[in-house]
Protein backbone atom coordinates (compact mmCIF):
# COMPACT_ATOMS: atom_id res chain seq x y z
CA MET A 1 -10.25 -15.31 18.85
CA PRO A 2 -7.34 -13.30 20.28
CA ILE A 3 -3.71 -13.83 21.17
CA GLU A 4 -3.48 -14.11 24.94
CA VAL A 5 -0.29 -13.72 26.97
CA LYS A 6 -0.60 -15.05 30.50
CA ASN A 7 2.00 -14.56 33.25
CA LEU A 8 4.80 -14.64 30.69
CA THR A 9 8.37 -14.60 31.97
CA HIS A 10 11.51 -15.19 29.92
CA THR A 11 14.99 -15.58 31.34
CA TYR A 12 17.98 -15.84 29.05
CA SER A 13 20.86 -18.19 29.98
CA GLN A 14 18.91 -19.47 32.96
CA GLY A 15 21.10 -21.11 35.58
CA SER A 16 24.31 -19.60 34.27
CA ALA A 17 26.42 -16.68 35.38
CA PHE A 18 24.91 -14.70 32.49
CA GLN A 19 21.30 -15.24 33.56
CA SER A 20 19.09 -12.26 32.70
CA THR A 21 15.32 -11.90 32.93
CA ALA A 22 14.10 -9.90 29.92
CA ILE A 23 10.37 -9.93 30.65
CA ARG A 24 8.49 -10.88 33.80
CA ASP A 25 4.85 -11.71 34.53
CA VAL A 26 3.46 -10.08 31.37
CA ASN A 27 -0.30 -10.33 30.85
CA LEU A 28 -2.05 -8.93 27.79
CA THR A 29 -4.59 -9.73 25.10
CA ILE A 30 -4.42 -8.78 21.42
CA GLU A 31 -7.89 -8.77 19.95
CA ASP A 32 -8.76 -9.58 16.35
CA GLY A 33 -8.55 -6.52 14.10
CA GLU A 34 -6.42 -4.37 16.39
CA PHE A 35 -3.39 -2.34 15.36
CA VAL A 36 -1.20 -2.52 18.45
CA CYS A 37 2.02 -0.55 18.85
CA ILE A 38 4.49 -1.83 21.45
CA VAL A 39 6.84 0.88 22.69
CA GLY A 40 9.56 1.12 25.28
CA HIS A 41 13.13 2.19 25.85
CA THR A 42 15.93 -0.02 24.51
CA GLY A 43 16.11 -3.14 26.67
CA SER A 44 12.52 -2.90 27.88
CA GLY A 45 11.65 -6.36 26.53
CA LYS A 46 9.73 -5.48 23.36
CA SER A 47 11.54 -7.80 20.96
CA THR A 48 11.63 -10.63 23.48
CA LEU A 49 7.87 -10.33 23.92
CA VAL A 50 6.97 -10.42 20.22
CA GLN A 51 9.29 -13.36 19.55
CA HIS A 52 7.06 -15.40 21.87
CA LEU A 53 3.95 -14.64 19.84
CA ASN A 54 4.82 -17.11 17.08
CA GLY A 55 6.81 -19.53 19.21
CA LEU A 56 10.28 -18.40 18.20
CA LEU A 57 11.10 -18.18 21.92
CA LYS A 58 9.71 -20.54 24.53
CA PRO A 59 8.54 -19.06 27.84
CA THR A 60 10.50 -19.70 30.99
CA SER A 61 7.06 -19.66 32.57
CA GLY A 62 3.58 -18.63 31.46
CA LEU A 63 1.38 -19.27 28.44
CA ILE A 64 0.87 -17.94 24.91
CA LEU A 65 -2.57 -18.78 23.55
CA VAL A 66 -3.26 -18.24 19.85
CA ASP A 67 -6.93 -18.63 18.96
CA GLY A 68 -7.35 -20.58 22.19
CA GLU A 69 -4.45 -22.99 21.62
CA ASP A 70 -1.36 -23.17 23.81
CA MET A 71 1.51 -22.25 21.49
CA ASN A 72 3.86 -24.48 23.46
CA GLY A 73 1.49 -27.32 24.26
CA GLU A 74 2.83 -30.86 23.79
CA LYS A 75 0.26 -31.86 21.16
CA VAL A 76 -0.13 -28.53 19.37
CA ASP A 77 0.87 -28.19 15.72
CA LYS A 78 3.27 -25.28 16.18
CA ARG A 79 3.98 -25.08 12.45
CA ARG A 80 0.29 -24.52 11.69
CA ILE A 81 0.02 -21.80 14.33
CA ARG A 82 3.13 -20.07 13.01
CA GLN A 83 1.49 -19.87 9.59
CA ASN A 84 -1.21 -17.73 11.23
CA VAL A 85 1.28 -15.51 13.07
CA GLY A 86 3.72 -13.92 10.64
CA LEU A 87 6.80 -12.37 12.23
CA VAL A 88 8.88 -9.75 10.42
CA PHE A 89 12.23 -9.14 12.12
CA GLN A 90 14.26 -5.96 12.15
CA TYR A 91 16.15 -5.68 8.85
CA PRO A 92 14.30 -8.65 7.30
CA GLU A 93 16.11 -8.09 3.99
CA TYR A 94 19.17 -9.70 5.58
CA GLN A 95 17.26 -13.00 5.38
CA LEU A 96 16.74 -12.92 1.61
CA PHE A 97 18.61 -15.74 -0.08
CA GLU A 98 16.95 -16.89 -3.32
CA GLU A 99 18.21 -15.87 -6.77
CA THR A 100 14.98 -14.12 -7.80
CA VAL A 101 12.29 -12.10 -6.07
CA VAL A 102 9.55 -14.56 -7.01
CA LYS A 103 11.47 -17.55 -5.64
CA ASP A 104 12.14 -15.79 -2.35
CA ILE A 105 8.50 -14.83 -1.82
CA ALA A 106 7.34 -18.31 -2.86
CA PHE A 107 9.62 -20.10 -0.37
CA GLY A 108 7.06 -20.19 2.46
CA PRO A 109 4.03 -21.29 0.42
CA ARG A 110 6.11 -23.98 -1.30
CA ASN A 111 7.13 -25.34 2.09
CA GLN A 112 3.47 -25.44 3.08
CA GLY A 113 3.00 -27.96 0.31
CA LEU A 114 0.71 -25.71 -1.71
CA SER A 115 0.11 -26.30 -5.40
CA ALA A 116 2.04 -24.32 -8.01
CA GLU A 117 -1.16 -22.48 -8.92
CA GLU A 118 -1.93 -21.49 -5.31
CA THR A 119 1.69 -20.51 -4.68
CA ASP A 120 1.65 -18.29 -7.78
CA ARG A 121 -1.62 -16.68 -6.65
CA ARG A 122 -0.19 -15.92 -3.24
CA VAL A 123 3.07 -14.54 -4.60
CA ARG A 124 1.23 -12.20 -6.96
CA ALA A 125 -1.14 -11.07 -4.20
CA ALA A 126 1.75 -10.46 -1.77
CA MET A 127 3.67 -8.43 -4.35
CA ALA A 128 0.57 -6.35 -5.02
CA HIS A 129 0.19 -5.71 -1.26
CA VAL A 130 3.74 -4.35 -1.03
CA HIS A 131 3.40 -2.37 -4.27
CA LEU A 132 5.94 -4.30 -6.34
CA ASP A 133 4.93 -4.81 -9.96
CA TYR A 134 5.09 -8.53 -10.73
CA ASP A 135 6.16 -8.19 -14.36
CA LYS A 136 8.90 -5.72 -13.45
CA TYR A 137 10.38 -7.39 -10.37
CA ALA A 138 9.51 -11.11 -10.31
CA GLU A 139 12.63 -12.36 -12.11
CA ARG A 140 15.06 -9.80 -10.75
CA SER A 141 17.58 -10.63 -8.07
CA PRO A 142 16.46 -9.20 -4.72
CA PHE A 143 20.05 -8.11 -4.13
CA GLU A 144 19.87 -5.68 -7.06
CA LEU A 145 17.02 -3.72 -5.46
CA SER A 146 17.09 -0.69 -3.20
CA GLY A 147 16.99 -1.14 0.57
CA GLY A 148 13.30 -0.24 0.74
CA GLN A 149 12.44 -2.59 -2.11
CA MET A 150 14.38 -5.43 -0.48
CA ARG A 151 12.45 -4.80 2.73
CA ARG A 152 9.17 -5.05 0.81
CA VAL A 153 10.26 -8.33 -0.78
CA ALA A 154 11.03 -9.73 2.67
CA ILE A 155 7.64 -8.61 4.02
CA ALA A 156 5.93 -10.06 0.95
CA GLY A 157 7.49 -13.42 1.81
CA VAL A 158 5.67 -13.33 5.16
CA LEU A 159 2.43 -12.07 3.61
CA ALA A 160 2.46 -14.94 1.10
CA MET A 161 1.83 -17.25 4.05
CA GLU A 162 -1.45 -15.32 4.51
CA PRO A 163 -1.11 -14.87 8.29
CA LYS A 164 -4.04 -13.79 10.41
CA TYR A 165 -1.68 -11.86 12.69
CA LEU A 166 1.24 -9.79 11.42
CA ILE A 167 4.00 -9.00 13.94
CA LEU A 168 6.61 -6.42 12.91
CA ASP A 169 9.70 -5.51 14.90
CA GLU A 170 10.79 -1.99 13.91
CA PRO A 171 9.77 -2.41 10.25
CA THR A 172 11.11 1.01 9.17
CA ALA A 173 14.52 0.81 10.87
CA GLY A 174 17.29 2.17 8.67
CA LEU A 175 15.07 3.36 5.82
CA ASP A 176 15.08 6.84 4.31
CA PRO A 177 11.92 8.95 4.78
CA LYS A 178 10.41 7.90 1.43
CA GLY A 179 10.99 4.19 2.08
CA ARG A 180 9.72 4.54 5.63
CA ASP A 181 6.49 6.23 4.56
CA ARG A 182 5.90 3.60 1.89
CA ILE A 183 6.32 0.72 4.35
CA LEU A 184 4.04 2.33 6.93
CA GLY A 185 1.40 3.10 4.31
CA MET A 186 1.50 -0.50 3.14
CA ILE A 187 1.07 -1.80 6.71
CA GLN A 188 -1.82 0.60 7.28
CA ASP A 189 -3.51 -0.62 4.09
CA LEU A 190 -3.10 -4.25 5.17
CA HIS A 191 -4.80 -3.48 8.45
CA ARG A 192 -7.64 -1.50 6.93
CA GLU A 193 -8.36 -3.58 3.86
CA GLY A 194 -7.04 -7.02 4.63
CA ASN A 195 -8.63 -7.52 8.05
CA THR A 196 -5.15 -8.25 9.39
CA THR A 197 -4.37 -7.88 13.09
CA VAL A 198 -1.11 -5.92 13.33
CA VAL A 199 1.35 -5.78 16.23
CA MET A 200 4.22 -3.36 15.58
CA VAL A 201 7.24 -2.59 17.74
CA SER A 202 8.20 1.03 17.21
CA HIS A 203 10.35 3.82 18.61
CA SER A 204 8.34 6.51 16.81
CA MET A 205 5.59 8.04 18.90
CA ASP A 206 4.33 9.92 15.83
CA ASP A 207 3.91 6.67 13.90
CA CYS A 208 2.04 5.13 16.82
CA ALA A 209 -0.17 8.21 17.10
CA ARG A 210 -1.10 7.93 13.44
CA LEU A 211 -1.56 4.17 13.15
CA ALA A 212 -2.31 2.44 16.44
CA THR A 213 -5.70 1.59 17.90
CA ARG A 214 -3.92 0.61 21.13
CA MET A 215 -0.49 1.06 22.66
CA ILE A 216 1.43 -1.19 25.00
CA VAL A 217 4.16 0.61 26.95
CA MET A 218 6.96 -1.54 28.38
CA SER A 219 9.67 -0.74 30.90
CA LYS A 220 12.23 -3.05 32.51
CA GLY A 221 10.48 -6.16 31.23
CA THR A 222 6.97 -5.31 32.39
CA VAL A 223 3.86 -3.70 30.87
CA VAL A 224 3.31 -0.30 32.49
CA ALA A 225 0.40 0.83 30.29
CA SER A 226 -2.01 -0.69 27.77
CA ASP A 227 -4.56 1.75 26.41
CA THR A 228 -5.59 3.90 23.46
CA PRO A 229 -2.99 6.33 22.08
CA ARG A 230 -5.09 9.22 23.40
CA ALA A 231 -5.04 7.84 26.94
CA VAL A 232 -1.33 6.99 26.80
CA PHE A 233 -0.22 10.32 25.38
CA SER A 234 -2.34 12.14 27.95
CA GLN A 235 0.20 10.90 30.52
CA PRO A 236 3.44 12.68 29.46
CA GLU A 237 4.90 12.31 32.96
CA MET A 238 4.52 8.53 32.81
CA MET A 239 6.02 8.41 29.32
CA HIS A 240 9.01 10.51 30.35
CA SER A 241 9.52 8.37 33.45
CA VAL A 242 10.16 5.31 31.22
CA GLY A 243 12.43 7.20 28.83
CA LEU A 244 9.86 7.94 26.12
CA GLY A 245 8.40 11.09 24.68
CA VAL A 246 5.06 12.03 23.15
CA PRO A 247 4.22 12.97 19.54
CA GLU A 248 5.42 16.33 18.25
CA ALA A 249 1.81 17.56 18.06
CA ALA A 250 1.28 16.76 21.76
CA GLN A 251 4.50 18.60 22.65
CA LEU A 252 3.41 21.66 20.68
CA CYS A 253 -0.03 21.55 22.33
CA ALA A 254 1.60 21.59 25.78
CA GLN A 255 3.73 24.60 24.80
CA LEU A 256 0.72 26.47 23.42
CA ARG A 257 -1.36 25.75 26.53
CA ALA A 258 1.51 27.05 28.66
CA ARG A 259 1.22 30.30 26.67
CA GLY A 260 -2.49 30.54 27.39
CA VAL A 261 -3.96 29.01 24.22
CA ASP A 262 -7.21 27.21 25.02
CA LEU A 263 -6.54 23.66 23.77
CA PRO A 264 -7.70 20.27 25.12
CA ASP A 265 -5.02 18.35 27.02
CA ASP A 266 -5.50 15.13 25.03
CA LEU A 267 -4.62 16.27 21.50
CA TYR A 268 -1.86 14.14 20.01
CA THR A 269 -2.11 14.16 16.20
CA GLN A 270 -1.21 16.90 13.74
CA GLU A 271 -4.67 16.67 12.18
CA GLU A 272 -6.42 17.28 15.51
CA LEU A 273 -4.13 20.17 16.37
CA HIS A 274 -4.67 21.79 12.97
CA GLU A 275 -8.44 21.43 13.33
CA HIS A 276 -8.53 23.05 16.79
CA LEU A 277 -6.19 25.89 15.84
CA LEU A 278 -8.25 26.61 12.74
CA ARG A 279 -11.40 26.66 14.85
CA LEU A 280 -9.80 29.09 17.32
CA TRP A 281 -8.59 31.31 14.47
CA LYS A 282 -12.03 31.39 12.86
CA GLY A 283 -13.62 32.15 16.20
CA GLY A 284 -11.17 35.02 16.76
CA ALA A 285 -11.73 36.38 13.26
CA LYS A 286 -15.50 36.44 13.76
CA ALA A 287 -15.13 38.19 17.11
């Protein structure tokens, strides 16, 4: 069953002089197995939205249903639902606190009351998912690791809870290109091989083009588009109107079409562009 957001509104500091409505009347559904990218200009409401998906924030009005259960219902076991919806914040390495990597990753499973054997299994599996060798890193201090490695430890701590849904808020923020590519590859593998539903907040249109099965575009606290990357990136005027761009491949396609090159108007990945240009070149060579 999906995550359903119904008529969600959230107002910070309600009733005070600092009252501010971050999102208003948001309706959307996240289906099992999707890889959803949420995009929008700074202040569009992305982070506020995803913090509702595991109950970190409570709606001012509206509902969040996870597998058919009201996240904020009076009788619901919110702790159990949160175990199914793992949330990775921006810069999650700032939340590391244990003296060793293995203890930090094991914190969640231990608090679930799992046996030592099951906790160990989950820790090892989570470290394998984030490509950290257990024998090499388990007993090291997380604070001795590189920034990218610390980020992977923090994500492993969420994965050790074995969530059905994985929510990530700008998971590559502040990383160098190598660390960024490693994190994104790991998330892609989790989605493909682990049957994990992924919701990722991102500022990178190229990352969304490469990874997402669906995009949600937000502006001023509302959803202005929810569709496939191809459909979203085929609307450059709409994207520019909300302060966003399109992938570099889509920009290059538009420039080439303006120069008379016969290219479809819905290309948005480097692979597609390469394939079409190669086909045009071969066609010209044969002629």
